[in-house]
Amino acid sequence: MSRTPFAPRPDGRVAMKVCCITSSEEAALAAAHGADAIGLVSEMPSGPGPIPEETIAEIARHAPRGPLGPRRVLLTALTHPRAIAEQVARCGVDAVQLVDDIGDWNAERLRDLLRDQLIIQVVHVRGAGDIAYAQRAATWWEIGRAHV
């Protein structure tokens, strides 16, 4: 059964993503405790948790798999569609989480490049305008939901 990391689960439990995973051991521990997704943080302009792409790929290769295994989510600060798609391919993940606004045109290009990937958009809510952005961003990825 395929499911998105944050969709309601059949058992009624809230879906959970454990972020800032830094090793295969942490990924296995998160999976053993019911994580629906594991977050693998690539290079960021600031904040804790980034690990090299080689480490992300290694963790992704060894993370538990299967229909109930956690999705392997790459967190990226990249904003160019081709660069994001290439990073996803290098890292071997199931999904990508965009931490920046990539804009309407880039969102359309990225959806074309990552047809079979789940794309998650981070929205930093600081005011009313951010709610409108969240609603607009939701339409970018709606097209791809049937493919995930």
C-alpha atoms as a PDB file:
ATOM      1  CA  MET A   1       0.000   0.000   0.000  1.00  0.00           C
ATOM      2  CA  SER A   2       1.417   3.381  -0.982  1.00  0.00           C
ATOM      3  CA  ARG A   3       0.805   6.364   1.271  1.00  0.00           C
ATOM      4  CA  THR A   4       2.139   9.866   1.637  1.00  0.00           C
ATOM      5  CA  PRO A   5       4.172  10.603   4.763  1.00  0.00           C
ATOM      6  CA  PHE A   6       1.633  12.943   6.282  1.00  0.00           C
ATOM      7  CA  ALA A   7      -1.661  11.407   5.193  1.00  0.00           C
ATOM      8  CA  PRO A   8      -3.964   9.936   7.823  1.00  0.00           C
ATOM      9  CA  ARG A   9      -3.027   6.335   8.432  1.00  0.00           C
ATOM     10  CA  PRO A  10      -5.578   3.509   8.243  1.00  0.00           C
ATOM     11  CA  ASP A  11      -5.031   2.852  11.959  1.00  0.00           C
ATOM     12  CA  GLY A  12      -5.922   6.474  12.807  1.00  0.00           C
ATOM     13  CA  ARG A  13      -2.433   7.301  14.071  1.00  0.00           C
ATOM     14  CA  VAL A  14      -0.909  10.616  13.039  1.00  0.00           C
ATOM     15  CA  ALA A  15       1.895  10.125  10.521  1.00  0.00           C
ATOM     16  CA  MET A  16       5.360  11.086  11.741  1.00  0.00           C
ATOM     17  CA  LYS A  17       8.579  12.180  10.043  1.00  0.00           C
ATOM     18  CA  VAL A  18      11.793  11.990  12.068  1.00  0.00           C
ATOM     19  CA  CYS A  19      14.143  14.616  10.706  1.00  0.00           C
ATOM     20  CA  CYS A  20      17.890  15.243  10.825  1.00  0.00           C
ATOM     21  CA  ILE A  21      18.789  11.550  10.558  1.00  0.00           C
ATOM     22  CA  THR A  22      22.592  11.290  10.399  1.00  0.00           C
ATOM     23  CA  SER A  23      23.285   7.537  10.208  1.00  0.00           C
ATOM     24  CA  SER A  24      21.865   4.203   9.094  1.00  0.00           C
ATOM     25  CA  GLU A  25      21.526   3.269  12.769  1.00  0.00           C
ATOM     26  CA  GLU A  26      19.338   6.320  13.447  1.00  0.00           C
ATOM     27  CA  ALA A  27      17.232   5.504  10.365  1.00  0.00           C
ATOM     28  CA  ALA A  28      16.721   1.930  11.583  1.00  0.00           C
ATOM     29  CA  LEU A  29      15.821   3.170  15.066  1.00  0.00           C
ATOM     30  CA  ALA A  30      13.280   5.655  13.664  1.00  0.00           C
ATOM     31  CA  ALA A  31      11.755   2.908  11.499  1.00  0.00           C
ATOM     32  CA  ALA A  32      11.617   0.484  14.419  1.00  0.00           C
ATOM     33  CA  HIS A  33       9.640   3.063  16.400  1.00  0.00           C
ATOM     34  CA  GLY A  34       7.085   3.611  13.628  1.00  0.00           C
ATOM     35  CA  ALA A  35       8.389   6.613  11.684  1.00  0.00           C
ATOM     36  CA  ASP A  36       6.488   7.088   8.437  1.00  0.00           C
ATOM     37  CA  ALA A  37       9.340   9.122   6.968  1.00  0.00           C
ATOM     38  CA  ILE A  38      12.944   9.962   7.740  1.00  0.00           C
ATOM     39  CA  GLY A  39      14.368  13.373   6.911  1.00  0.00           C
ATOM     40  CA  LEU A  40      17.847  13.568   5.422  1.00  0.00           C
ATOM     41  CA  VAL A  41      19.059  17.174   5.427  1.00  0.00           C
ATOM     42  CA  SER A  42      21.388  18.240   2.619  1.00  0.00           C
ATOM     43  CA  GLU A  43      23.434  21.430   2.556  1.00  0.00           C
ATOM     44  CA  MET A  44      21.484  24.368   3.996  1.00  0.00           C
ATOM     45  CA  PRO A  45      22.316  28.059   4.368  1.00  0.00           C
ATOM     46  CA  SER A  46      21.840  27.738   8.144  1.00  0.00           C
ATOM     47  CA  GLY A  47      20.575  25.484  10.902  1.00  0.00           C
ATOM     48  CA  PRO A  48      21.482  22.117  12.378  1.00  0.00           C
ATOM     49  CA  GLY A  49      21.398  18.731  10.734  1.00  0.00           C
ATOM     50  CA  PRO A  50      22.985  18.914   7.250  1.00  0.00           C
ATOM     51  CA  ILE A  51      25.006  15.887   6.186  1.00  0.00           C
ATOM     52  CA  PRO A  52      26.987  15.281   2.965  1.00  0.00           C
ATOM     53  CA  GLU A  53      25.116  13.867  -0.038  1.00  0.00           C
ATOM     54  CA  GLU A  54      27.309  10.756   0.091  1.00  0.00           C
ATOM     55  CA  THR A  55      26.050  10.080   3.627  1.00  0.00           C
ATOM     56  CA  ILE A  56      22.453  10.709   2.561  1.00  0.00           C
ATOM     57  CA  ALA A  57      22.830   8.198  -0.287  1.00  0.00           C
ATOM     58  CA  GLU A  58      24.384   5.631   2.067  1.00  0.00           C
ATOM     59  CA  ILE A  59      21.553   6.006   4.594  1.00  0.00           C
ATOM     60  CA  ALA A  60      18.940   5.854   1.820  1.00  0.00           C
ATOM     61  CA  ARG A  61      20.480   2.605   0.494  1.00  0.00           C
ATOM     62  CA  HIS A  62      20.324   0.932   3.905  1.00  0.00           C
ATOM     63  CA  ALA A  63      17.057   2.358   5.270  1.00  0.00           C
ATOM     64  CA  PRO A  64      14.265  -0.183   5.835  1.00  0.00           C
ATOM     65  CA  ARG A  65      12.060  -0.509   2.749  1.00  0.00           C
ATOM     66  CA  GLY A  66       8.675  -1.839   1.851  1.00  0.00           C
ATOM     67  CA  PRO A  67       5.122  -0.524   1.773  1.00  0.00           C
ATOM     68  CA  LEU A  68       5.174   0.237   5.490  1.00  0.00           C
ATOM     69  CA  GLY A  69       8.824   1.277   5.703  1.00  0.00           C
ATOM     70  CA  PRO A  70       9.574   4.965   6.119  1.00  0.00           C
ATOM     71  CA  ARG A  71       9.859   7.205   3.106  1.00  0.00           C
ATOM     72  CA  ARG A  72      13.342   8.603   2.682  1.00  0.00           C
ATOM     73  CA  VAL A  73      12.883  12.374   2.380  1.00  0.00           C
ATOM     74  CA  LEU A  74      15.659  14.640   1.122  1.00  0.00           C
ATOM     75  CA  LEU A  75      15.476  18.187   2.491  1.00  0.00           C
ATOM     76  CA  THR A  76      17.000  20.584  -0.022  1.00  0.00           C
ATOM     77  CA  ALA A  77      17.624  24.317  -0.252  1.00  0.00           C
ATOM     78  CA  LEU A  78      18.189  24.103  -4.023  1.00  0.00           C
ATOM     79  CA  THR A  79      15.698  26.037  -6.136  1.00  0.00           C
ATOM     80  CA  HIS A  80      16.504  25.118  -9.758  1.00  0.00           C
ATOM     81  CA  PRO A  81      14.381  22.165 -10.969  1.00  0.00           C
ATOM     82  CA  ARG A  82      17.157  20.301 -12.794  1.00  0.00           C
ATOM     83  CA  ALA A  83      19.570  20.701  -9.849  1.00  0.00           C
ATOM     84  CA  ILE A  84      16.904  19.377  -7.463  1.00  0.00           C
ATOM     85  CA  ALA A  85      16.092  16.406  -9.722  1.00  0.00           C
ATOM     86  CA  GLU A  86      19.782  15.551 -10.072  1.00  0.00           C
ATOM     87  CA  GLN A  87      20.259  15.746  -6.290  1.00  0.00           C
ATOM     88  CA  VAL A  88      17.267  13.450  -5.729  1.00  0.00           C
ATOM     89  CA  ALA A  89      18.763  10.943  -8.188  1.00  0.00           C
ATOM     90  CA  ARG A  90      22.224  11.089  -6.579  1.00  0.00           C
ATOM     91  CA  CYS A  91      20.759  10.554  -3.118  1.00  0.00           C
ATOM     92  CA  GLY A  92      18.350   7.742  -4.063  1.00  0.00           C
ATOM     93  CA  VAL A  93      15.413   9.006  -1.992  1.00  0.00           C
ATOM     94  CA  ASP A  94      11.630   8.533  -2.257  1.00  0.00           C
ATOM     95  CA  ALA A  95      10.644  12.153  -1.717  1.00  0.00           C
ATOM     96  CA  VAL A  96      12.024  15.675  -1.635  1.00  0.00           C
ATOM     97  CA  GLN A  97      11.148  18.454   0.776  1.00  0.00           C
ATOM     98  CA  LEU A  98      11.728  21.970  -0.563  1.00  0.00           C
ATOM     99  CA  VAL A  99      12.675  24.441   2.137  1.00  0.00           C
ATOM    100  CA  ASP A 100      12.459  27.495  -0.162  1.00  0.00           C
ATOM    101  CA  ASP A 101       9.901  28.948  -2.551  1.00  0.00           C
ATOM    102  CA  ILE A 102      10.821  27.813  -6.062  1.00  0.00           C
ATOM    103  CA  GLY A 103       8.063  29.744  -7.864  1.00  0.00           C
ATOM    104  CA  ASP A 104       5.271  28.681 -10.177  1.00  0.00           C
ATOM    105  CA  TRP A 105       7.342  28.105 -13.337  1.00  0.00           C
ATOM    106  CA  ASN A 106      10.030  26.106 -11.527  1.00  0.00           C
ATOM    107  CA  ALA A 107       7.385  24.075  -9.701  1.00  0.00           C
ATOM    108  CA  GLU A 108       5.876  23.005 -13.031  1.00  0.00           C
ATOM    109  CA  ARG A 109       9.316  22.018 -14.383  1.00  0.00           C
ATOM    110  CA  LEU A 110      10.153  20.096 -11.196  1.00  0.00           C
ATOM    111  CA  ARG A 111       6.859  18.174 -11.302  1.00  0.00           C
ATOM    112  CA  ASP A 112       7.719  17.147 -14.884  1.00  0.00           C
ATOM    113  CA  LEU A 113      11.188  15.975 -13.819  1.00  0.00           C
ATOM    114  CA  LEU A 114      10.060  14.132 -10.671  1.00  0.00           C
ATOM    115  CA  ARG A 115       6.813  12.498 -11.830  1.00  0.00           C
ATOM    116  CA  ASP A 116       7.183   9.501  -9.504  1.00  0.00           C
ATOM    117  CA  GLN A 117       8.459  11.360  -6.450  1.00  0.00           C
ATOM    118  CA  LEU A 118       6.551  12.885  -3.604  1.00  0.00           C
ATOM    119  CA  ILE A 119       7.326  16.607  -3.353  1.00  0.00           C
ATOM    120  CA  ILE A 120       6.759  18.348  -0.032  1.00  0.00           C
ATOM    121  CA  GLN A 121       6.794  22.139   0.211  1.00  0.00           C
ATOM    122  CA  VAL A 122       7.844  23.823   3.455  1.00  0.00           C
ATOM    123  CA  VAL A 123       5.831  26.940   4.232  1.00  0.00           C
ATOM    124  CA  HIS A 124       7.197  29.350   6.820  1.00  0.00           C
ATOM    125  CA  VAL A 125       4.107  31.145   8.147  1.00  0.00           C
ATOM    126  CA  ARG A 126       5.012  34.634   9.318  1.00  0.00           C
ATOM    127  CA  GLY A 127       1.881  36.447   8.198  1.00  0.00           C
ATOM    128  CA  ALA A 128      -1.352  36.336   6.215  1.00  0.00           C
ATOM    129  CA  GLY A 129       0.471  36.395   2.871  1.00  0.00           C
ATOM    130  CA  ASP A 130       2.110  33.102   3.719  1.00  0.00           C
ATOM    131  CA  ILE A 131      -1.289  31.397   3.952  1.00  0.00           C
ATOM    132  CA  ALA A 132      -2.032  32.457   0.375  1.00  0.00           C
ATOM    133  CA  TYR A 133       1.401  31.133  -0.643  1.00  0.00           C
ATOM    134  CA  ALA A 134       0.641  27.795   1.025  1.00  0.00           C
ATOM    135  CA  GLN A 135      -2.637  27.524  -0.883  1.00  0.00           C
ATOM    136  CA  ARG A 136      -0.887  28.332  -4.176  1.00  0.00           C
ATOM    137  CA  ALA A 137       1.955  25.902  -3.463  1.00  0.00           C
ATOM    138  CA  ALA A 138      -0.556  23.127  -2.721  1.00  0.00           C
ATOM    139  CA  THR A 139      -1.796  23.347  -6.323  1.00  0.00           C
ATOM    140  CA  TRP A 140       1.766  22.874  -7.659  1.00  0.00           C
ATOM    141  CA  TRP A 141       2.048  19.377  -6.256  1.00  0.00           C
ATOM    142  CA  GLU A 142      -1.586  18.252  -6.535  1.00  0.00           C
ATOM    143  CA  ILE A 143      -0.937  17.162 -10.135  1.00  0.00           C
ATOM    144  CA  GLY A 144       1.633  14.615  -8.979  1.00  0.00           C
ATOM    145  CA  ARG A 145      -0.406  12.980  -6.203  1.00  0.00           C
ATOM    146  CA  ALA A 146      -1.845  10.367  -8.569  1.00  0.00           C
ATOM    147  CA  HIS A 147       1.695   9.281  -9.422  1.00  0.00           C
ATOM    148  CA  VAL A 148       2.902   8.730  -5.858  1.00  0.00           C
END
